[in-house]
């Protein structure tokens, strides 16, 4: 099980954080985080429910991480193991994650697949998302997996869809011409894009596109 304490600094003042596996008694806080992070037009039926969260902590507790500050859960990151073939990248979020229930978790899979990452808006200046992602990279190495993989939303794409394709949008973000709140964050966290997928997720801002982004295990390249 994962447990790590760190000190961050906000306006020059130290902030102690605890990164740990989330548990059953954290479920209400985890659902509350979802409501803060994914307000409408994001579909509310895609927020966590307790059956999904129970599966997370039962089927693959190593992939259920959260950060706690002063006794309050402020962020979470969830994953499962799957078999991924880079030559056949197309899939939907629902297919890869069993609609967030992760009943398809494969203990013998080659890839840690990110189901969701959420950080309360009031705490985003602390860089907690990147810290959680780095913690999950450690789990990839510990389990000897090939990669960490997940589909990133493209919430800025709807503003540019009339002038460029989804792939051109991702290329523009990579070139530093456009800032996308999700893709740019994942790049800063060490992930690299490998494919743009149509109908990845029901997401108006992304026009249902997603960009698959991976982090390769440096000990298995």
C-alpha atoms as a PDB file:
ATOM      1  CA  UNK A   1       0.000   0.000   0.000  1.00  0.00           C
ATOM      2  CA  UNK A   2       1.138   3.541  -0.725  1.00  0.00           C
ATOM      3  CA  UNK A   3       1.836   6.210   1.877  1.00  0.00           C
ATOM      4  CA  UNK A   4       4.095   9.235   1.465  1.00  0.00           C
ATOM      5  CA  UNK A   5       4.344  12.562   3.310  1.00  0.00           C
ATOM      6  CA  UNK A   6       5.707  15.686   1.645  1.00  0.00           C
ATOM      7  CA  UNK A   7       6.032  19.396   2.292  1.00  0.00           C
ATOM      8  CA  UNK A   8       4.866  21.860  -0.349  1.00  0.00           C
ATOM      9  CA  UNK A   9       5.048  25.629  -0.207  1.00  0.00           C
ATOM     10  CA  UNK A  10       2.211  28.068  -0.852  1.00  0.00           C
ATOM     11  CA  UNK A  11       3.097  31.775  -0.693  1.00  0.00           C
ATOM     12  CA  UNK A  12       6.291  30.775   1.089  1.00  0.00           C
ATOM     13  CA  UNK A  13       4.462  28.818   3.792  1.00  0.00           C
ATOM     14  CA  UNK A  14       4.936  25.053   4.178  1.00  0.00           C
ATOM     15  CA  UNK A  15       1.945  22.805   3.537  1.00  0.00           C
ATOM     16  CA  UNK A  16       2.156  19.204   4.703  1.00  0.00           C
ATOM     17  CA  UNK A  17       0.456  16.683   2.407  1.00  0.00           C
ATOM     18  CA  UNK A  18      -0.190  12.966   2.771  1.00  0.00           C
ATOM     19  CA  UNK A  19      -0.425  10.782  -0.353  1.00  0.00           C
ATOM     20  CA  UNK A  20      -2.150   7.501   0.419  1.00  0.00           C
ATOM     21  CA  UNK A  21      -4.589   4.920  -0.864  1.00  0.00           C
ATOM     22  CA  UNK A  22      -8.179   5.997  -0.472  1.00  0.00           C
ATOM     23  CA  UNK A  23     -10.523   3.814   1.552  1.00  0.00           C
ATOM     24  CA  UNK A  24     -14.224   3.192   2.145  1.00  0.00           C
ATOM     25  CA  UNK A  25     -14.588   5.998   4.671  1.00  0.00           C
ATOM     26  CA  UNK A  26     -13.314   8.483   2.042  1.00  0.00           C
ATOM     27  CA  UNK A  27     -16.135   7.846  -0.445  1.00  0.00           C
ATOM     28  CA  UNK A  28     -18.310  10.859   0.419  1.00  0.00           C
ATOM     29  CA  UNK A  29     -15.325  13.191   0.084  1.00  0.00           C
ATOM     30  CA  UNK A  30     -14.313  11.615  -3.248  1.00  0.00           C
ATOM     31  CA  UNK A  31     -17.804  12.132  -4.687  1.00  0.00           C
ATOM     32  CA  UNK A  32     -17.791  15.726  -3.427  1.00  0.00           C
ATOM     33  CA  UNK A  33     -14.479  16.313  -5.226  1.00  0.00           C
ATOM     34  CA  UNK A  34     -16.061  15.100  -8.471  1.00  0.00           C
ATOM     35  CA  UNK A  35     -18.902  17.608  -8.202  1.00  0.00           C
ATOM     36  CA  UNK A  36     -16.382  20.430  -7.766  1.00  0.00           C
ATOM     37  CA  UNK A  37     -14.086  19.297 -10.566  1.00  0.00           C
ATOM     38  CA  UNK A  38     -16.650  18.398 -13.216  1.00  0.00           C
ATOM     39  CA  UNK A  39     -19.547  20.861 -13.107  1.00  0.00           C
ATOM     40  CA  UNK A  40     -22.125  21.058 -15.929  1.00  0.00           C
ATOM     41  CA  UNK A  41     -22.040  20.662 -18.887  1.00  0.00           C
ATOM     42  CA  UNK A  42     -20.024  17.598 -17.803  1.00  0.00           C
ATOM     43  CA  UNK A  43     -22.598  14.791 -17.290  1.00  0.00           C
ATOM     44  CA  UNK A  44     -23.339  14.281 -13.596  1.00  0.00           C
ATOM     45  CA  UNK A  45     -23.920  10.566 -14.168  1.00  0.00           C
ATOM     46  CA  UNK A  46     -20.185  10.262 -14.814  1.00  0.00           C
ATOM     47  CA  UNK A  47     -19.380  11.353 -11.248  1.00  0.00           C
ATOM     48  CA  UNK A  48     -18.299   8.496  -8.984  1.00  0.00           C
ATOM     49  CA  UNK A  49     -20.883   6.393  -7.222  1.00  0.00           C
ATOM     50  CA  UNK A  50     -20.207   4.187  -4.220  1.00  0.00           C
ATOM     51  CA  UNK A  51     -20.396   0.935  -6.161  1.00  0.00           C
ATOM     52  CA  UNK A  52     -17.610   2.125  -8.451  1.00  0.00           C
ATOM     53  CA  UNK A  53     -15.499   3.311  -5.544  1.00  0.00           C
ATOM     54  CA  UNK A  54     -16.002  -0.001  -3.723  1.00  0.00           C
ATOM     55  CA  UNK A  55     -14.643  -1.801  -6.787  1.00  0.00           C
ATOM     56  CA  UNK A  56     -11.638   0.529  -6.900  1.00  0.00           C
ATOM     57  CA  UNK A  57     -10.553  -0.248  -3.354  1.00  0.00           C
ATOM     58  CA  UNK A  58     -11.373  -3.955  -3.707  1.00  0.00           C
ATOM     59  CA  UNK A  59     -10.136  -4.937  -7.170  1.00  0.00           C
ATOM     60  CA  UNK A  60      -7.043  -2.733  -7.408  1.00  0.00           C
ATOM     61  CA  UNK A  61      -6.380  -0.756  -4.214  1.00  0.00           C
ATOM     62  CA  UNK A  62      -2.861   0.068  -5.416  1.00  0.00           C
ATOM     63  CA  UNK A  63      -4.450   2.220  -8.112  1.00  0.00           C
ATOM     64  CA  UNK A  64      -6.670   4.206  -5.744  1.00  0.00           C
ATOM     65  CA  UNK A  65      -4.720   7.237  -4.502  1.00  0.00           C
ATOM     66  CA  UNK A  66      -5.683  10.463  -2.780  1.00  0.00           C
ATOM     67  CA  UNK A  67      -4.002  13.445  -1.160  1.00  0.00           C
ATOM     68  CA  UNK A  68      -4.969  14.637   2.289  1.00  0.00           C
ATOM     69  CA  UNK A  69      -4.247  18.105   3.723  1.00  0.00           C
ATOM     70  CA  UNK A  70      -5.141  18.885   7.339  1.00  0.00           C
ATOM     71  CA  UNK A  71      -7.385  15.826   7.432  1.00  0.00           C
ATOM     72  CA  UNK A  72      -9.295  16.826   4.271  1.00  0.00           C
ATOM     73  CA  UNK A  73      -9.228  14.829   1.022  1.00  0.00           C
ATOM     74  CA  UNK A  74      -8.395  17.340  -1.699  1.00  0.00           C
ATOM     75  CA  UNK A  75      -7.557  15.189  -4.725  1.00  0.00           C
ATOM     76  CA  UNK A  76      -7.763  11.667  -6.099  1.00  0.00           C
ATOM     77  CA  UNK A  77      -6.304   9.514  -8.867  1.00  0.00           C
ATOM     78  CA  UNK A  78      -7.676   6.137  -9.913  1.00  0.00           C
ATOM     79  CA  UNK A  79      -6.282   3.444 -12.214  1.00  0.00           C
ATOM     80  CA  UNK A  80      -6.599  -0.186 -13.248  1.00  0.00           C
ATOM     81  CA  UNK A  81      -4.425  -2.656 -15.143  1.00  0.00           C
ATOM     82  CA  UNK A  82      -5.236  -3.573 -18.752  1.00  0.00           C
ATOM     83  CA  UNK A  83      -3.523  -5.160 -21.730  1.00  0.00           C
ATOM     84  CA  UNK A  84      -2.800  -2.465 -24.304  1.00  0.00           C
ATOM     85  CA  UNK A  85      -1.559  -2.932 -27.856  1.00  0.00           C
ATOM     86  CA  UNK A  86      -0.032   0.332 -29.201  1.00  0.00           C
ATOM     87  CA  UNK A  87      -0.772  -0.894 -32.747  1.00  0.00           C
ATOM     88  CA  UNK A  88      -4.512  -0.818 -31.957  1.00  0.00           C
ATOM     89  CA  UNK A  89      -5.005   2.300 -29.832  1.00  0.00           C
ATOM     90  CA  UNK A  90      -8.679   3.092 -30.550  1.00  0.00           C
ATOM     91  CA  UNK A  91     -11.096   2.578 -27.669  1.00  0.00           C
ATOM     92  CA  UNK A  92     -13.491   4.530 -25.515  1.00  0.00           C
ATOM     93  CA  UNK A  93     -13.157   5.509 -21.874  1.00  0.00           C
ATOM     94  CA  UNK A  94     -16.131   3.273 -21.086  1.00  0.00           C
ATOM     95  CA  UNK A  95     -14.502   0.250 -22.752  1.00  0.00           C
ATOM     96  CA  UNK A  96     -11.137   0.756 -21.056  1.00  0.00           C
ATOM     97  CA  UNK A  97     -12.537   1.305 -17.567  1.00  0.00           C
ATOM     98  CA  UNK A  98     -15.793  -0.690 -17.625  1.00  0.00           C
ATOM     99  CA  UNK A  99     -17.628   2.634 -17.229  1.00  0.00           C
ATOM    100  CA  UNK A 100     -15.515   3.379 -14.164  1.00  0.00           C
ATOM    101  CA  UNK A 101     -16.433   0.120 -12.409  1.00  0.00           C
ATOM    102  CA  UNK A 102     -13.079  -1.526 -13.373  1.00  0.00           C
ATOM    103  CA  UNK A 103     -14.508  -5.053 -13.334  1.00  0.00           C
ATOM    104  CA  UNK A 104     -12.199  -5.603 -16.318  1.00  0.00           C
ATOM    105  CA  UNK A 105      -9.078  -5.031 -14.168  1.00  0.00           C
ATOM    106  CA  UNK A 106      -6.437  -7.534 -15.317  1.00  0.00           C
ATOM    107  CA  UNK A 107      -3.791  -8.344 -12.684  1.00  0.00           C
ATOM    108  CA  UNK A 108      -1.612  -9.659 -15.542  1.00  0.00           C
ATOM    109  CA  UNK A 109      -2.050  -6.579 -17.729  1.00  0.00           C
ATOM    110  CA  UNK A 110       0.898  -4.659 -19.173  1.00  0.00           C
ATOM    111  CA  UNK A 111      -0.440  -1.142 -18.657  1.00  0.00           C
ATOM    112  CA  UNK A 112      -1.704   0.959 -15.763  1.00  0.00           C
ATOM    113  CA  UNK A 113      -4.670   2.827 -17.205  1.00  0.00           C
ATOM    114  CA  UNK A 114      -5.798   6.075 -15.590  1.00  0.00           C
ATOM    115  CA  UNK A 115      -9.530   6.141 -14.966  1.00  0.00           C
ATOM    116  CA  UNK A 116      -9.771   9.617 -13.440  1.00  0.00           C
ATOM    117  CA  UNK A 117      -7.789  12.417 -11.859  1.00  0.00           C
ATOM    118  CA  UNK A 118      -9.478  15.130  -9.786  1.00  0.00           C
ATOM    119  CA  UNK A 119      -8.140  18.054  -7.745  1.00  0.00           C
ATOM    120  CA  UNK A 120     -10.384  20.476  -5.877  1.00  0.00           C
ATOM    121  CA  UNK A 121     -10.125  23.859  -7.676  1.00  0.00           C
ATOM    122  CA  UNK A 122      -9.074  25.678  -4.501  1.00  0.00           C
ATOM    123  CA  UNK A 123      -5.961  23.464  -4.239  1.00  0.00           C
ATOM    124  CA  UNK A 124      -4.791  23.354  -7.852  1.00  0.00           C
ATOM    125  CA  UNK A 125      -2.036  25.937  -7.382  1.00  0.00           C
ATOM    126  CA  UNK A 126      -0.128  23.411  -5.249  1.00  0.00           C
ATOM    127  CA  UNK A 127       0.638  21.072  -8.162  1.00  0.00           C
ATOM    128  CA  UNK A 128      -1.135  18.103  -6.557  1.00  0.00           C
ATOM    129  CA  UNK A 129      -2.100  16.533  -9.880  1.00  0.00           C
ATOM    130  CA  UNK A 130       1.518  16.226 -10.936  1.00  0.00           C
ATOM    131  CA  UNK A 131       2.485  14.790  -7.547  1.00  0.00           C
ATOM    132  CA  UNK A 132      -0.242  12.139  -7.773  1.00  0.00           C
ATOM    133  CA  UNK A 133       0.816  11.262 -11.321  1.00  0.00           C
ATOM    134  CA  UNK A 134       4.423  10.845 -10.191  1.00  0.00           C
ATOM    135  CA  UNK A 135       3.213   8.603  -7.373  1.00  0.00           C
ATOM    136  CA  UNK A 136       1.404   6.438  -9.918  1.00  0.00           C
ATOM    137  CA  UNK A 137       4.585   6.263 -12.028  1.00  0.00           C
ATOM    138  CA  UNK A 138       6.247   4.725  -8.975  1.00  0.00           C
ATOM    139  CA  UNK A 139       3.519   2.081  -8.889  1.00  0.00           C
ATOM    140  CA  UNK A 140       4.099   1.333 -12.598  1.00  0.00           C
ATOM    141  CA  UNK A 141       7.770   0.696 -11.836  1.00  0.00           C
ATOM    142  CA  UNK A 142       7.003  -1.291  -8.671  1.00  0.00           C
ATOM    143  CA  UNK A 143       4.612  -3.597 -10.565  1.00  0.00           C
ATOM    144  CA  UNK A 144       6.944  -3.914 -13.566  1.00  0.00           C
ATOM    145  CA  UNK A 145       4.367  -2.610 -16.063  1.00  0.00           C
ATOM    146  CA  UNK A 146       5.228  -1.265 -19.511  1.00  0.00           C
ATOM    147  CA  UNK A 147       3.520   2.084 -19.217  1.00  0.00           C
ATOM    148  CA  UNK A 148       0.981   4.376 -17.660  1.00  0.00           C
ATOM    149  CA  UNK A 149      -1.739   5.329 -20.133  1.00  0.00           C
ATOM    150  CA  UNK A 150      -4.920   7.353 -20.151  1.00  0.00           C
ATOM    151  CA  UNK A 151      -7.141   9.448 -22.356  1.00  0.00           C
ATOM    152  CA  UNK A 152      -7.002  13.163 -21.700  1.00  0.00           C
ATOM    153  CA  UNK A 153      -9.928  15.485 -22.263  1.00  0.00           C
ATOM    154  CA  UNK A 154      -9.440  18.356 -24.733  1.00  0.00           C
ATOM    155  CA  UNK A 155     -11.680  20.981 -23.116  1.00  0.00           C
ATOM    156  CA  UNK A 156     -10.319  23.845 -25.182  1.00  0.00           C
ATOM    157  CA  UNK A 157     -10.960  22.173 -28.510  1.00  0.00           C
ATOM    158  CA  UNK A 158     -14.517  23.451 -28.965  1.00  0.00           C
ATOM    159  CA  UNK A 159     -13.109  26.976 -29.250  1.00  0.00           C
ATOM    160  CA  UNK A 160     -10.965  25.970 -32.250  1.00  0.00           C
ATOM    161  CA  UNK A 161     -12.974  23.199 -33.922  1.00  0.00           C
ATOM    162  CA  UNK A 162     -14.037  25.438 -36.814  1.00  0.00           C
ATOM    163  CA  UNK A 163     -10.444  26.092 -37.799  1.00  0.00           C
ATOM    164  CA  UNK A 164      -8.591  22.822 -37.131  1.00  0.00           C
ATOM    165  CA  UNK A 165      -9.010  19.079 -36.676  1.00  0.00           C
ATOM    166  CA  UNK A 166      -8.625  17.445 -33.284  1.00  0.00           C
ATOM    167  CA  UNK A 167      -5.142  16.203 -34.213  1.00  0.00           C
ATOM    168  CA  UNK A 168      -4.118  19.658 -35.420  1.00  0.00           C
ATOM    169  CA  UNK A 169      -5.336  21.042 -32.089  1.00  0.00           C
ATOM    170  CA  UNK A 170      -3.165  18.586 -30.159  1.00  0.00           C
ATOM    171  CA  UNK A 171      -0.191  19.426 -32.407  1.00  0.00           C
ATOM    172  CA  UNK A 172      -0.761  23.142 -31.701  1.00  0.00           C
ATOM    173  CA  UNK A 173      -0.723  22.459 -27.960  1.00  0.00           C
ATOM    174  CA  UNK A 174       2.505  20.459 -28.358  1.00  0.00           C
ATOM    175  CA  UNK A 175       4.034  23.364 -30.300  1.00  0.00           C
ATOM    176  CA  UNK A 176       3.136  25.799 -27.505  1.00  0.00           C
ATOM    177  CA  UNK A 177       0.723  27.758 -29.708  1.00  0.00           C
ATOM    178  CA  UNK A 178      -2.353  26.859 -27.624  1.00  0.00           C
ATOM    179  CA  UNK A 179      -2.741  26.139 -23.939  1.00  0.00           C
ATOM    180  CA  UNK A 180      -5.210  23.391 -23.060  1.00  0.00           C
ATOM    181  CA  UNK A 181      -5.897  22.969 -19.324  1.00  0.00           C
ATOM    182  CA  UNK A 182      -5.813  19.161 -19.482  1.00  0.00           C
ATOM    183  CA  UNK A 183      -3.360  18.326 -22.253  1.00  0.00           C
ATOM    184  CA  UNK A 184      -0.848  20.963 -21.122  1.00  0.00           C
ATOM    185  CA  UNK A 185      -1.060  19.678 -17.552  1.00  0.00           C
ATOM    186  CA  UNK A 186      -0.439  16.078 -18.658  1.00  0.00           C
ATOM    187  CA  UNK A 187       2.569  17.188 -20.714  1.00  0.00           C
ATOM    188  CA  UNK A 188       4.027  18.946 -17.669  1.00  0.00           C
ATOM    189  CA  UNK A 189       3.417  15.761 -15.676  1.00  0.00           C
ATOM    190  CA  UNK A 190       5.530  13.708 -18.076  1.00  0.00           C
ATOM    191  CA  UNK A 191       2.919  12.180 -20.380  1.00  0.00           C
ATOM    192  CA  UNK A 192       3.295  12.076 -24.174  1.00  0.00           C
ATOM    193  CA  UNK A 193       0.462  11.870 -26.750  1.00  0.00           C
ATOM    194  CA  UNK A 194       0.254   8.746 -28.914  1.00  0.00           C
ATOM    195  CA  UNK A 195      -3.186   8.967 -30.594  1.00  0.00           C
ATOM    196  CA  UNK A 196      -6.327  11.086 -30.893  1.00  0.00           C
ATOM    197  CA  UNK A 197      -9.503   9.048 -30.427  1.00  0.00           C
ATOM    198  CA  UNK A 198     -13.009   9.911 -31.651  1.00  0.00           C
ATOM    199  CA  UNK A 199     -16.019   9.367 -29.376  1.00  0.00           C
ATOM    200  CA  UNK A 200     -13.732   8.707 -26.425  1.00  0.00           C
ATOM    201  CA  UNK A 201     -16.026  10.301 -23.851  1.00  0.00           C
ATOM    202  CA  UNK A 202     -19.354  12.122 -23.724  1.00  0.00           C
ATOM    203  CA  UNK A 203     -17.827  15.593 -23.363  1.00  0.00           C
ATOM    204  CA  UNK A 204     -19.231  18.681 -25.099  1.00  0.00           C
ATOM    205  CA  UNK A 205     -16.130  20.831 -24.577  1.00  0.00           C
ATOM    206  CA  UNK A 206     -13.878  18.205 -26.189  1.00  0.00           C
ATOM    207  CA  UNK A 207     -16.466  17.422 -28.884  1.00  0.00           C
ATOM    208  CA  UNK A 208     -16.197  13.845 -27.569  1.00  0.00           C
ATOM    209  CA  UNK A 209     -12.519  13.547 -28.562  1.00  0.00           C
ATOM    210  CA  UNK A 210      -9.778  12.299 -26.279  1.00  0.00           C
ATOM    211  CA  UNK A 211      -6.016  12.168 -26.665  1.00  0.00           C
ATOM    212  CA  UNK A 212      -4.258   9.039 -25.420  1.00  0.00           C
ATOM    213  CA  UNK A 213      -1.145  10.007 -23.484  1.00  0.00           C
ATOM    214  CA  UNK A 214       1.401   7.626 -22.003  1.00  0.00           C
ATOM    215  CA  UNK A 215       4.397   7.509 -19.695  1.00  0.00           C
ATOM    216  CA  UNK A 216       6.732   4.638 -20.502  1.00  0.00           C
ATOM    217  CA  UNK A 217       8.448   2.711 -17.732  1.00  0.00           C
ATOM    218  CA  UNK A 218      12.087   3.823 -18.181  1.00  0.00           C
ATOM    219  CA  UNK A 219      13.316   0.473 -16.857  1.00  0.00           C
ATOM    220  CA  UNK A 220      11.511  -1.511 -19.581  1.00  0.00           C
ATOM    221  CA  UNK A 221      12.273   0.472 -22.753  1.00  0.00           C
END
